[in-house]
Amino acid sequence: MTIQRIMYLNTTSRSLRASVVGFAIHEPVDSDPPQIEVGVEMPYETVHSAILDGWRVVSFPAQRGGEDPEAVGVYGYEFILEQMVEIDA
């Protein structure tokens, strides 16, 4: 059976090579939603490194309007990635 893993990576800019500053991984299992833990090591340094590890980008950060196009919110620029993995049923 094939399942989909979802990962949110928050970065300092729209670049695939920008530093990751936050993340959340959602596993396809019946459980509580993932919790953000302080001091947890980031799974990847950049979105690019996640792509090299088999993740696919399914959503890029929205283009921001306004006076400063590089202005970023508290959580940075959010990329959503997926990884399809085979598991034993």
C-alpha atoms as a PDB file:
ATOM      1  CA  MET A   1       0.000   0.000   0.000  1.00  0.00           C
ATOM      2  CA  THR A   2       1.205   3.528  -0.797  1.00  0.00           C
ATOM      3  CA  ILE A   3       0.729   6.303   1.752  1.00  0.00           C
ATOM      4  CA  GLN A   4       1.343  10.037   1.615  1.00  0.00           C
ATOM      5  CA  ARG A   5       3.467  11.893   4.165  1.00  0.00           C
ATOM      6  CA  ILE A   6       3.064  15.684   4.386  1.00  0.00           C
ATOM      7  CA  MET A   7       5.730  18.111   5.583  1.00  0.00           C
ATOM      8  CA  TYR A   8       5.540  21.872   6.048  1.00  0.00           C
ATOM      9  CA  LEU A   9       8.877  23.696   5.837  1.00  0.00           C
ATOM     10  CA  ASN A  10       9.047  27.368   6.758  1.00  0.00           C
ATOM     11  CA  THR A  11      11.996  29.266   5.297  1.00  0.00           C
ATOM     12  CA  THR A  12      13.581  32.731   5.419  1.00  0.00           C
ATOM     13  CA  SER A  13      12.803  33.489   1.734  1.00  0.00           C
ATOM     14  CA  ARG A  14      11.049  32.043  -1.331  1.00  0.00           C
ATOM     15  CA  SER A  15      14.254  30.332  -2.472  1.00  0.00           C
ATOM     16  CA  LEU A  16      14.449  26.526  -2.395  1.00  0.00           C
ATOM     17  CA  ARG A  17      17.900  26.988  -0.848  1.00  0.00           C
ATOM     18  CA  ALA A  18      16.811  29.348   1.951  1.00  0.00           C
ATOM     19  CA  SER A  19      17.351  28.240   5.542  1.00  0.00           C
ATOM     20  CA  VAL A  20      14.524  26.313   7.181  1.00  0.00           C
ATOM     21  CA  VAL A  21      13.305  28.022  10.370  1.00  0.00           C
ATOM     22  CA  GLY A  22      10.313  25.829  11.216  1.00  0.00           C
ATOM     23  CA  PHE A  23       8.649  22.575  10.236  1.00  0.00           C
ATOM     24  CA  ALA A  24       5.818  20.137  10.877  1.00  0.00           C
ATOM     25  CA  ILE A  25       5.519  16.575   9.621  1.00  0.00           C
ATOM     26  CA  HIS A  26       2.114  14.930   9.377  1.00  0.00           C
ATOM     27  CA  GLU A  27       2.267  11.152   9.256  1.00  0.00           C
ATOM     28  CA  PRO A  28      -0.683   9.184   7.826  1.00  0.00           C
ATOM     29  CA  VAL A  29      -1.561   7.481  11.111  1.00  0.00           C
ATOM     30  CA  ASP A  30      -4.447   7.739  13.558  1.00  0.00           C
ATOM     31  CA  SER A  31      -3.023   9.899  16.331  1.00  0.00           C
ATOM     32  CA  ASP A  32      -2.963  13.389  17.736  1.00  0.00           C
ATOM     33  CA  PRO A  33      -1.653  16.109  15.416  1.00  0.00           C
ATOM     34  CA  PRO A  34       2.099  16.766  15.558  1.00  0.00           C
ATOM     35  CA  GLN A  35       3.296  19.145  18.220  1.00  0.00           C
ATOM     36  CA  ILE A  36       6.005  21.730  17.655  1.00  0.00           C
ATOM     37  CA  GLU A  37       8.786  20.986  20.106  1.00  0.00           C
ATOM     38  CA  VAL A  38      11.365  23.518  21.231  1.00  0.00           C
ATOM     39  CA  GLY A  39      14.940  22.512  20.553  1.00  0.00           C
ATOM     40  CA  VAL A  40      14.093  19.807  18.012  1.00  0.00           C
ATOM     41  CA  GLU A  41      16.560  19.572  15.147  1.00  0.00           C
ATOM     42  CA  MET A  42      15.169  20.541  11.747  1.00  0.00           C
ATOM     43  CA  PRO A  43      14.812  17.512   9.463  1.00  0.00           C
ATOM     44  CA  TYR A  44      16.354  19.464   6.553  1.00  0.00           C
ATOM     45  CA  GLU A  45      18.436  22.633   6.262  1.00  0.00           C
ATOM     46  CA  THR A  46      16.679  23.695   3.038  1.00  0.00           C
ATOM     47  CA  VAL A  47      13.722  22.731   0.852  1.00  0.00           C
ATOM     48  CA  HIS A  48      16.279  21.746  -1.780  1.00  0.00           C
ATOM     49  CA  SER A  49      17.838  19.166   0.550  1.00  0.00           C
ATOM     50  CA  ALA A  50      14.362  17.688   1.197  1.00  0.00           C
ATOM     51  CA  ILE A  51      13.790  17.424  -2.570  1.00  0.00           C
ATOM     52  CA  LEU A  52      17.110  15.593  -2.937  1.00  0.00           C
ATOM     53  CA  ASP A  53      15.845  13.155  -0.280  1.00  0.00           C
ATOM     54  CA  GLY A  54      12.711  12.287  -2.280  1.00  0.00           C
ATOM     55  CA  TRP A  55      10.166  14.883  -1.113  1.00  0.00           C
ATOM     56  CA  ARG A  56       8.060  16.708  -3.746  1.00  0.00           C
ATOM     57  CA  VAL A  57       6.900  20.311  -3.410  1.00  0.00           C
ATOM     58  CA  VAL A  58       3.114  20.488  -3.751  1.00  0.00           C
ATOM     59  CA  SER A  59       2.661  24.113  -2.683  1.00  0.00           C
ATOM     60  CA  PHE A  60       5.000  27.081  -2.929  1.00  0.00           C
ATOM     61  CA  PRO A  61       4.756  30.202  -0.729  1.00  0.00           C
ATOM     62  CA  ALA A  62       2.157  32.725  -1.867  1.00  0.00           C
ATOM     63  CA  GLN A  63       3.482  35.817  -3.587  1.00  0.00           C
ATOM     64  CA  ARG A  64       3.157  38.658  -1.110  1.00  0.00           C
ATOM     65  CA  GLY A  65       1.683  42.004  -2.042  1.00  0.00           C
ATOM     66  CA  GLY A  66       2.142  45.321  -0.331  1.00  0.00           C
ATOM     67  CA  GLU A  67       4.982  47.756   0.036  1.00  0.00           C
ATOM     68  CA  ASP A  68       7.696  45.266   0.978  1.00  0.00           C
ATOM     69  CA  PRO A  69       7.489  42.080  -1.144  1.00  0.00           C
ATOM     70  CA  GLU A  70      10.121  40.404   1.042  1.00  0.00           C
ATOM     71  CA  ALA A  71       8.271  41.093   4.315  1.00  0.00           C
ATOM     72  CA  VAL A  72       7.793  37.806   6.105  1.00  0.00           C
ATOM     73  CA  GLY A  73       5.482  36.751   8.907  1.00  0.00           C
ATOM     74  CA  VAL A  74       6.394  34.986  12.114  1.00  0.00           C
ATOM     75  CA  TYR A  75       6.528  31.578  10.425  1.00  0.00           C
ATOM     76  CA  GLY A  76       8.470  32.560   7.311  1.00  0.00           C
ATOM     77  CA  TYR A  77       7.664  31.354   3.815  1.00  0.00           C
ATOM     78  CA  GLU A  78       5.739  28.081   3.880  1.00  0.00           C
ATOM     79  CA  PHE A  79       6.461  25.230   1.470  1.00  0.00           C
ATOM     80  CA  ILE A  80       4.287  22.106   1.579  1.00  0.00           C
ATOM     81  CA  LEU A  81       5.927  18.867   0.489  1.00  0.00           C
ATOM     82  CA  GLU A  82       4.773  15.287   0.092  1.00  0.00           C
ATOM     83  CA  GLN A  83       6.516  11.947   0.080  1.00  0.00           C
ATOM     84  CA  MET A  84       4.836   8.779  -1.144  1.00  0.00           C
ATOM     85  CA  VAL A  85       6.078   5.661   0.644  1.00  0.00           C
ATOM     86  CA  GLU A  86       5.246   1.970   0.353  1.00  0.00           C
ATOM     87  CA  ILE A  87       4.235   0.154   3.523  1.00  0.00           C
ATOM     88  CA  ASP A  88       3.147  -3.388   4.260  1.00  0.00           C
ATOM     89  CA  ALA A  89      -0.651  -3.487   4.546  1.00  0.00           C
END
